[in-house]
Amino acid sequence: MLALATCCLMTLAMGTLHAWSVFSADIELVLGLSRTQSSLVYSLALVALTATVLFAVPLFNRLSPAMLFAGSATGAGLGLLCASSGSEVMLFAGYSGVFGIANGIGYGFALQLSARVFSHRSGFAMGVTTATYALGATAGAQILGTLVAVTGSLATLRLHGISFLVLAPVLAILIHTGKAEYSVSNIRIKPIDISNKLINKYRLSYGLAVFAGLMAIAHATPFITSYGNTHLSLALWGAIVLGIGNAIGGLIAGLACDRFSTQHIITLLPCVAAIALASAAVAPNAAMALAMLVVIGFTYGALIAVYPVAIARHFGLTNSATAYGRIFIAWGIAGLSAPVIAGLLYDTTQSYRYSMLLAMALSLASAIAALRLRTPQCED
């Protein structure tokens, strides 16, 4: 249980990457960036995260959990300190590059390790680990957003980096004490179909499904402020409620996929998201927009919790990290495109309406793609 709790602590910390929207407005003023440029900082961080999840899998077997946890937290801290220097180049290098890579190692390894140390309830373990990743975005939005308002974005990035450096040895000690092992030698493995055709089906369904959530995460705070004279505290709640919905969705989905077909879940969730996105597109005020962000966050959190479980069930735990890394490319493509497309549409129209409608269409397309998957029932 200590090992699972440490995995959750790791993802809680790494989830703060997705609180970027609380930095964006101040960063734009300080460094003279456009909305498209500030969106690109987050998008490129997601690209780095994605590439790391894909290529870091060999490290999971070669390095101890303590080394991986301490190394990723240290890297995150150094990246944030680099990003706080006041240079546009260093912002991209530190936040988009180093912090994104550290996030890929920390989140990717913690997610896979949780399924191994809690193999008898892997759906729950992956769900709660993903939920705390979302909770990190929520807590980060509240804490970091408050600090940005008081000290500015660069000072807040600096403090955040220091917190990671302090956390690194704590994580190493806890995961070592918990006697976590990445080995799955004693776990029953299912027959494996890891063909490119099947991988591509998962990529299409997954990438379309997460577009809306990644767009909303990147633009939650400015989306609320787009309603005009919105008080700063209400605007910050955009990122906060999105994260709350995200965390709840991940936890409930983790529990649900131990009981229900993952194919049914990943088909239903995008449909719910599409309804929320359509409502957000025509929301008459910030209050209704906030309500829809909760639903969008819930569906996104549930989706990113269910897909790793479905993949682990389909490909077997031994190969799930490799399969997940290949499929996760779709998340990275969505992460690169969704925030930037939303930023471009906003710069062009001064509205998020068209971004919401585009995300709605893609969510419905994901539901259709999910129907083509034949995922097995969740079972241990």
Protein backbone atom coordinates (compact mmCIF):
# COMPACT_ATOMS: atom_id res chain seq x y z
CA MET A 1 0.00 0.00 0.00
CA LEU A 2 2.90 2.38 0.72
CA ALA A 3 4.22 1.79 -2.80
CA LEU A 4 0.84 2.64 -4.33
CA ALA A 5 0.58 5.76 -2.14
CA THR A 6 4.05 6.83 -3.31
CA CYS A 7 3.03 6.37 -6.95
CA CYS A 8 0.07 8.64 -6.21
CA LEU A 9 2.35 11.21 -4.56
CA MET A 10 4.53 11.22 -7.67
CA THR A 11 1.61 11.73 -10.03
CA LEU A 12 0.12 14.36 -7.71
CA ALA A 13 3.30 16.41 -8.04
CA MET A 14 3.72 15.81 -11.76
CA GLY A 15 0.09 16.75 -12.43
CA THR A 16 0.92 20.39 -11.76
CA LEU A 17 2.26 20.53 -15.33
CA HIS A 18 -1.39 20.81 -16.37
CA ALA A 19 -1.97 23.93 -14.30
CA TRP A 20 -0.23 25.92 -17.04
CA SER A 21 -3.31 28.05 -17.74
CA VAL A 22 -2.81 29.95 -14.46
CA PHE A 23 0.60 31.10 -15.72
CA SER A 24 -0.34 31.94 -19.30
CA ALA A 25 -1.88 35.42 -18.90
CA ASP A 26 0.94 36.78 -16.72
CA ILE A 27 3.61 35.09 -18.85
CA GLU A 28 2.14 36.75 -21.94
CA LEU A 29 2.48 40.18 -20.28
CA VAL A 30 5.95 39.59 -18.84
CA LEU A 31 7.52 38.09 -21.97
CA GLY A 32 5.30 39.70 -24.62
CA LEU A 33 3.86 36.46 -25.94
CA SER A 34 0.64 36.00 -27.91
CA ARG A 35 -2.04 33.54 -26.80
CA THR A 36 -0.86 31.16 -29.52
CA GLN A 37 2.75 31.34 -28.31
CA SER A 38 1.85 30.79 -24.65
CA SER A 39 -0.33 27.84 -25.69
CA LEU A 40 2.67 26.39 -27.53
CA VAL A 41 4.65 26.22 -24.26
CA TYR A 42 2.13 23.76 -22.88
CA SER A 43 1.69 21.93 -26.16
CA LEU A 44 5.41 21.28 -26.54
CA ALA A 45 5.58 20.09 -22.94
CA LEU A 46 2.98 17.48 -23.85
CA VAL A 47 5.03 16.47 -26.89
CA ALA A 48 8.09 15.96 -24.68
CA LEU A 49 5.96 14.02 -22.18
CA THR A 50 4.61 11.80 -24.96
CA ALA A 51 7.99 11.05 -26.50
CA THR A 52 9.36 10.17 -23.09
CA VAL A 53 6.50 7.77 -22.29
CA LEU A 54 7.26 6.04 -25.60
CA PHE A 55 11.04 5.83 -25.37
CA ALA A 56 11.66 5.61 -21.62
CA VAL A 57 10.16 2.11 -21.23
CA PRO A 58 13.61 0.37 -21.27
CA LEU A 59 14.60 2.48 -18.25
CA PHE A 60 11.76 0.97 -16.24
CA ASN A 61 13.47 -2.42 -16.24
CA ARG A 62 17.04 -1.15 -15.86
CA LEU A 63 16.77 1.41 -13.05
CA SER A 64 15.33 0.98 -9.58
CA PRO A 65 12.03 2.69 -8.69
CA ALA A 66 13.91 4.90 -6.20
CA MET A 67 16.29 6.14 -8.88
CA LEU A 68 13.49 6.78 -11.36
CA PHE A 69 11.34 8.65 -8.84
CA ALA A 70 14.20 10.77 -7.51
CA GLY A 71 15.57 11.45 -10.98
CA SER A 72 12.27 12.55 -12.48
CA ALA A 73 11.45 14.84 -9.54
CA THR A 74 14.93 16.39 -9.68
CA GLY A 75 14.61 16.92 -13.42
CA ALA A 76 11.23 18.58 -12.94
CA GLY A 77 12.69 20.95 -10.37
CA LEU A 78 15.64 21.92 -12.55
CA GLY A 79 13.35 22.43 -15.55
CA LEU A 80 11.09 24.80 -13.63
CA LEU A 81 14.05 26.77 -12.29
CA CYS A 82 15.28 27.10 -15.86
CA ALA A 83 11.84 28.26 -17.00
CA SER A 84 11.78 30.98 -14.34
CA SER A 85 14.83 32.80 -15.71
CA GLY A 86 12.79 35.40 -17.63
CA SER A 87 13.93 34.31 -21.08
CA GLU A 88 11.48 33.08 -23.70
CA VAL A 89 14.01 30.51 -24.91
CA MET A 90 14.63 29.24 -21.37
CA LEU A 91 10.89 29.10 -20.72
CA PHE A 92 10.44 26.70 -23.62
CA ALA A 93 13.61 24.76 -22.78
CA GLY A 94 12.76 24.44 -19.09
CA TYR A 95 8.99 24.00 -19.05
CA SER A 96 8.33 22.46 -22.46
CA GLY A 97 11.53 20.44 -22.56
CA VAL A 98 12.99 19.38 -19.22
CA PHE A 99 9.78 19.52 -17.18
CA GLY A 100 7.91 17.69 -19.94
CA ILE A 101 10.52 14.91 -20.11
CA ALA A 102 10.60 14.55 -16.32
CA ASN A 103 6.80 14.36 -16.35
CA GLY A 104 6.87 11.56 -18.90
CA ILE A 105 9.22 9.48 -16.77
CA GLY A 106 7.50 10.19 -13.45
CA TYR A 107 3.91 9.80 -14.62
CA GLY A 108 4.57 6.96 -17.07
CA PHE A 109 6.53 4.86 -14.60
CA ALA A 110 4.22 5.53 -11.64
CA LEU A 111 1.20 4.50 -13.70
CA GLN A 112 2.75 1.21 -14.81
CA LEU A 113 4.28 0.48 -11.41
CA SER A 114 0.94 0.97 -9.65
CA ALA A 115 -0.62 -1.80 -11.75
CA ARG A 116 2.18 -4.15 -10.74
CA VAL A 117 2.29 -3.46 -7.01
CA PHE A 118 -1.51 -3.69 -6.82
CA SER A 119 -2.04 -6.30 -9.54
CA HIS A 120 -5.14 -7.85 -7.93
CA ARG A 121 -6.97 -4.52 -8.42
CA SER A 122 -5.05 -3.03 -11.32
CA GLY A 123 -8.08 -1.08 -12.58
CA PHE A 124 -8.46 0.64 -9.24
CA ALA A 125 -4.70 1.20 -8.91
CA MET A 126 -4.38 2.82 -12.33
CA GLY A 127 -7.55 4.81 -11.76
CA VAL A 128 -6.47 6.26 -8.43
CA THR A 129 -2.96 6.99 -9.77
CA THR A 130 -4.46 8.85 -12.70
CA ALA A 131 -6.94 10.61 -10.41
CA THR A 132 -4.13 12.00 -8.27
CA TYR A 133 -2.40 13.19 -11.44
CA ALA A 134 -5.54 15.20 -12.15
CA LEU A 135 -5.72 16.29 -8.51
CA GLY A 136 -2.24 17.71 -8.94
CA ALA A 137 -3.58 19.95 -11.69
CA THR A 138 -6.41 21.03 -9.41
CA ALA A 139 -4.26 21.75 -6.37
CA GLY A 140 -1.65 23.31 -8.62
CA ALA A 141 -4.20 25.64 -10.18
CA GLN A 142 -5.35 26.84 -6.78
CA ILE A 143 -1.98 27.13 -5.05
CA LEU A 144 0.10 28.26 -8.02
CA GLY A 145 -2.64 30.58 -9.27
CA THR A 146 -2.74 32.32 -5.90
CA LEU A 147 1.05 32.64 -5.88
CA VAL A 148 1.06 34.05 -9.41
CA ALA A 149 -1.40 36.74 -8.31
CA VAL A 150 0.87 37.66 -5.38
CA THR A 151 4.43 37.16 -6.62
CA GLY A 152 4.13 36.85 -10.40
CA SER A 153 4.59 33.91 -12.72
CA LEU A 154 8.39 33.74 -12.79
CA ALA A 155 8.77 33.75 -9.00
CA THR A 156 6.07 31.10 -8.72
CA LEU A 157 7.84 28.88 -11.23
CA ARG A 158 11.00 29.26 -9.18
CA LEU A 159 9.29 28.26 -5.93
CA HIS A 160 7.64 25.34 -7.66
CA GLY A 161 11.01 24.12 -8.91
CA ILE A 162 12.47 24.25 -5.41
CA SER A 163 9.54 22.20 -4.09
CA PHE A 164 10.36 19.41 -6.55
CA LEU A 165 14.00 19.34 -5.45
CA VAL A 166 12.86 18.95 -1.84
CA LEU A 167 10.40 16.21 -2.81
CA ALA A 168 12.92 14.10 -4.76
CA PRO A 169 14.68 12.39 -1.81
CA VAL A 170 11.35 11.91 -0.01
CA LEU A 171 9.97 9.97 -2.97
CA ALA A 172 13.10 7.84 -3.20
CA ILE A 173 12.94 6.89 0.48
CA LEU A 174 9.21 6.11 0.40
CA ILE A 175 9.30 3.92 -2.72
CA HIS A 176 12.35 2.05 -1.41
CA THR A 177 10.64 1.49 1.95
CA GLY A 178 7.53 0.25 0.15
CA LYS A 179 9.65 -2.49 -1.51
CA ALA A 180 8.11 -1.79 -4.92
CA GLU A 181 9.22 -4.00 -7.80
CA TYR A 182 8.54 -3.56 -11.49
CA SER A 183 8.79 -7.29 -12.22
CA VAL A 184 5.62 -9.03 -13.39
CA SER A 185 7.01 -12.57 -13.48
CA ASN A 186 4.30 -13.95 -11.21
CA ILE A 187 1.35 -12.35 -13.02
CA ARG A 188 -0.81 -14.33 -15.44
CA ILE A 189 -0.43 -12.91 -18.94
CA LYS A 190 -3.11 -12.90 -21.65
CA PRO A 191 -2.41 -13.85 -25.28
CA ILE A 192 -1.12 -10.78 -27.10
CA ASP A 193 -2.13 -9.14 -30.36
CA ILE A 194 0.15 -6.15 -30.76
CA SER A 195 -0.34 -5.57 -34.47
CA ASN A 196 -0.01 -2.10 -35.95
CA LYS A 197 -3.64 -2.28 -37.08
CA LEU A 198 -4.87 -2.70 -33.52
CA ILE A 199 -2.46 -0.05 -32.21
CA ASN A 200 -3.74 2.41 -34.81
CA LYS A 201 -7.35 1.73 -33.84
CA TYR A 202 -6.53 2.58 -30.26
CA ARG A 203 -4.59 5.67 -31.32
CA LEU A 204 -7.49 7.03 -33.34
CA SER A 205 -10.07 6.48 -30.62
CA TYR A 206 -7.81 7.75 -27.81
CA GLY A 207 -6.48 10.81 -29.64
CA LEU A 208 -9.93 12.02 -30.65
CA ALA A 209 -11.25 11.37 -27.14
CA VAL A 210 -8.66 13.46 -25.27
CA PHE A 211 -8.61 16.45 -27.63
CA ALA A 212 -11.37 18.25 -25.71
CA GLY A 213 -9.82 17.72 -22.29
CA LEU A 214 -6.36 18.84 -23.34
CA MET A 215 -7.79 21.93 -25.02
CA ALA A 216 -9.81 22.78 -21.91
CA ILE A 217 -6.86 22.24 -19.55
CA ALA A 218 -4.67 24.63 -21.56
CA HIS A 219 -7.35 27.34 -21.79
CA ALA A 220 -9.52 26.88 -18.69
CA THR A 221 -8.65 30.18 -17.01
CA PRO A 222 -8.66 32.37 -20.17
CA PHE A 223 -11.89 30.63 -21.26
CA ILE A 224 -13.62 31.96 -18.14
CA THR A 225 -12.04 35.41 -18.47
CA SER A 226 -13.31 35.58 -22.06
CA TYR A 227 -16.75 36.30 -20.59
CA GLY A 228 -15.67 39.85 -19.85
CA ASN A 229 -15.34 41.52 -16.46
CA THR A 230 -14.83 38.27 -14.58
CA HIS A 231 -13.24 38.48 -11.14
CA LEU A 232 -9.78 36.86 -10.93
CA SER A 233 -10.89 34.34 -8.28
CA LEU A 234 -13.72 33.15 -10.55
CA ALA A 235 -11.34 32.87 -13.48
CA LEU A 236 -8.95 30.71 -11.44
CA TRP A 237 -11.85 28.41 -10.67
CA GLY A 238 -11.88 27.48 -14.36
CA ALA A 239 -8.71 25.44 -13.92
CA ILE A 240 -9.71 24.29 -10.44
CA VAL A 241 -13.14 22.86 -11.30
CA LEU A 242 -11.73 21.24 -14.42
CA GLY A 243 -9.17 19.48 -12.27
CA ILE A 244 -11.77 18.46 -9.69
CA GLY A 245 -13.90 16.87 -12.38
CA ASN A 246 -10.76 15.27 -13.82
CA ALA A 247 -9.79 13.68 -10.49
CA ILE A 248 -13.30 12.41 -9.74
CA GLY A 249 -13.59 10.99 -13.24
CA GLY A 250 -10.31 9.09 -12.92
CA LEU A 251 -11.23 7.56 -9.59
CA ILE A 252 -14.75 6.51 -10.62
CA ALA A 253 -13.51 5.13 -13.94
CA GLY A 254 -10.86 3.07 -12.19
CA LEU A 255 -13.52 1.47 -10.03
CA ALA A 256 -15.92 1.04 -12.94
CA CYS A 257 -13.50 -0.72 -15.25
CA ASP A 258 -13.01 -3.47 -12.66
CA ARG A 259 -16.73 -4.20 -13.12
CA PHE A 260 -17.78 -3.18 -16.64
CA SER A 261 -16.59 -3.48 -20.23
CA THR A 262 -13.99 -0.86 -21.06
CA GLN A 263 -15.35 -0.63 -24.60
CA HIS A 264 -18.73 0.48 -23.28
CA ILE A 265 -17.06 3.08 -21.06
CA ILE A 266 -14.82 4.58 -23.75
CA THR A 267 -17.78 4.76 -26.12
CA LEU A 268 -20.12 6.45 -23.65
CA LEU A 269 -17.72 9.02 -22.18
CA PRO A 270 -17.01 10.96 -25.43
CA CYS A 271 -20.76 11.24 -26.00
CA VAL A 272 -21.16 12.84 -22.58
CA ALA A 273 -18.23 15.14 -23.35
CA ALA A 274 -19.83 16.16 -26.65
CA ILE A 275 -22.99 17.29 -24.85
CA ALA A 276 -20.94 19.34 -22.39
CA LEU A 277 -18.87 20.90 -25.17
CA ALA A 278 -21.95 21.89 -27.13
CA SER A 279 -23.36 23.49 -23.99
CA ALA A 280 -20.07 25.29 -23.29
CA ALA A 281 -20.07 26.69 -26.83
CA VAL A 282 -23.37 28.48 -26.19
CA ALA A 283 -22.98 29.13 -22.45
CA PRO A 284 -24.44 32.59 -21.72
CA ASN A 285 -22.28 33.30 -18.66
CA ALA A 286 -19.18 32.23 -16.76
CA ALA A 287 -21.17 30.23 -14.19
CA MET A 288 -22.59 27.88 -16.80
CA ALA A 289 -19.20 27.67 -18.50
CA LEU A 290 -17.70 26.55 -15.17
CA ALA A 291 -20.36 23.85 -14.82
CA MET A 292 -19.55 22.50 -18.27
CA LEU A 293 -15.82 22.50 -17.47
CA VAL A 294 -16.57 20.15 -14.58
CA VAL A 295 -18.21 17.68 -16.97
CA ILE A 296 -15.44 18.05 -19.56
CA GLY A 297 -12.85 17.47 -16.85
CA PHE A 298 -14.76 14.45 -15.54
CA THR A 299 -14.91 12.75 -18.94
CA TYR A 300 -11.26 13.49 -19.68
CA GLY A 301 -10.11 12.16 -16.30
CA ALA A 302 -12.20 9.03 -16.78
CA LEU A 303 -10.88 8.45 -20.31
CA ILE A 304 -7.21 8.72 -19.41
CA ALA A 305 -7.83 6.29 -16.54
CA VAL A 306 -9.78 3.73 -18.58
CA TYR A 307 -7.52 3.55 -21.63
CA PRO A 308 -4.40 2.35 -19.73
CA VAL A 309 -6.52 -0.34 -18.07
CA ALA A 310 -8.02 -1.44 -21.40
CA ILE A 311 -4.54 -1.57 -22.92
CA ALA A 312 -3.14 -3.57 -20.00
CA ARG A 313 -6.04 -6.03 -20.24
CA HIS A 314 -5.68 -6.33 -24.02
CA PHE A 315 -1.90 -6.61 -24.35
CA GLY A 316 -0.95 -8.10 -20.97
CA LEU A 317 0.99 -6.40 -18.16
CA THR A 318 4.36 -7.51 -19.54
CA ASN A 319 3.76 -5.63 -22.79
CA SER A 320 1.38 -2.95 -21.57
CA ALA A 321 4.08 -0.31 -21.07
CA THR A 322 5.34 -0.76 -24.64
CA ALA A 323 1.82 -0.84 -26.11
CA TYR A 324 0.72 2.14 -24.01
CA GLY A 325 3.77 4.12 -25.10
CA ARG A 326 2.96 3.51 -28.77
CA ILE A 327 -0.71 4.38 -28.33
CA PHE A 328 0.14 7.38 -26.15
CA ILE A 329 1.53 9.08 -29.25
CA ALA A 330 -2.07 9.98 -30.04
CA TRP A 331 -2.33 11.81 -26.73
CA GLY A 332 0.79 13.76 -27.64
CA ILE A 333 -0.57 14.72 -31.05
CA ALA A 334 -3.76 15.93 -29.39
CA GLY A 335 -1.69 17.70 -26.75
CA LEU A 336 0.30 19.54 -29.42
CA SER A 337 -2.63 20.45 -31.61
CA ALA A 338 -5.54 21.09 -29.23
CA PRO A 339 -4.12 24.02 -27.22
CA VAL A 340 -2.58 25.67 -30.29
CA ILE A 341 -5.69 25.28 -32.43
CA ALA A 342 -7.80 26.74 -29.63
CA GLY A 343 -5.32 29.61 -29.31
CA LEU A 344 -5.34 30.30 -33.04
CA LEU A 345 -9.14 30.23 -33.17
CA TYR A 346 -9.32 32.58 -30.23
CA ASP A 347 -6.77 35.00 -31.72
CA THR A 348 -8.82 34.98 -34.94
CA THR A 349 -12.35 35.18 -33.55
CA GLN A 350 -11.87 36.42 -29.96
CA SER A 351 -14.10 33.53 -28.90
CA TYR A 352 -13.75 29.93 -27.71
CA ARG A 353 -17.07 28.90 -29.27
CA TYR A 354 -15.56 27.39 -32.42
CA SER A 355 -12.95 25.48 -30.43
CA MET A 356 -15.69 23.91 -28.33
CA LEU A 357 -17.68 22.92 -31.40
CA LEU A 358 -14.62 21.38 -33.04
CA ALA A 359 -13.86 19.39 -29.88
CA MET A 360 -17.50 18.25 -29.79
CA ALA A 361 -17.25 16.84 -33.31
CA LEU A 362 -14.00 15.03 -32.51
CA SER A 363 -15.49 13.55 -29.33
CA LEU A 364 -18.36 12.07 -31.33
CA ALA A 365 -15.85 10.69 -33.83
CA SER A 366 -14.00 9.04 -30.93
CA ALA A 367 -17.19 7.30 -29.81
CA ILE A 368 -17.63 5.91 -33.31
CA ALA A 369 -13.99 4.76 -33.42
CA ALA A 370 -14.34 3.10 -30.01
CA LEU A 371 -17.15 0.94 -31.37
CA ARG A 372 -14.60 -0.67 -33.70
CA LEU A 373 -12.45 -1.80 -30.78
CA ARG A 374 -13.00 -5.17 -29.21
CA THR A 375 -11.64 -4.65 -25.73
CA PRO A 376 -11.99 -7.52 -23.26
CA GLN A 377 -14.01 -7.33 -20.05
CA CYS A 378 -11.95 -5.97 -17.15
CA GLU A 379 -10.75 -8.91 -15.11
CA ASP A 380 -7.72 -9.69 -12.95
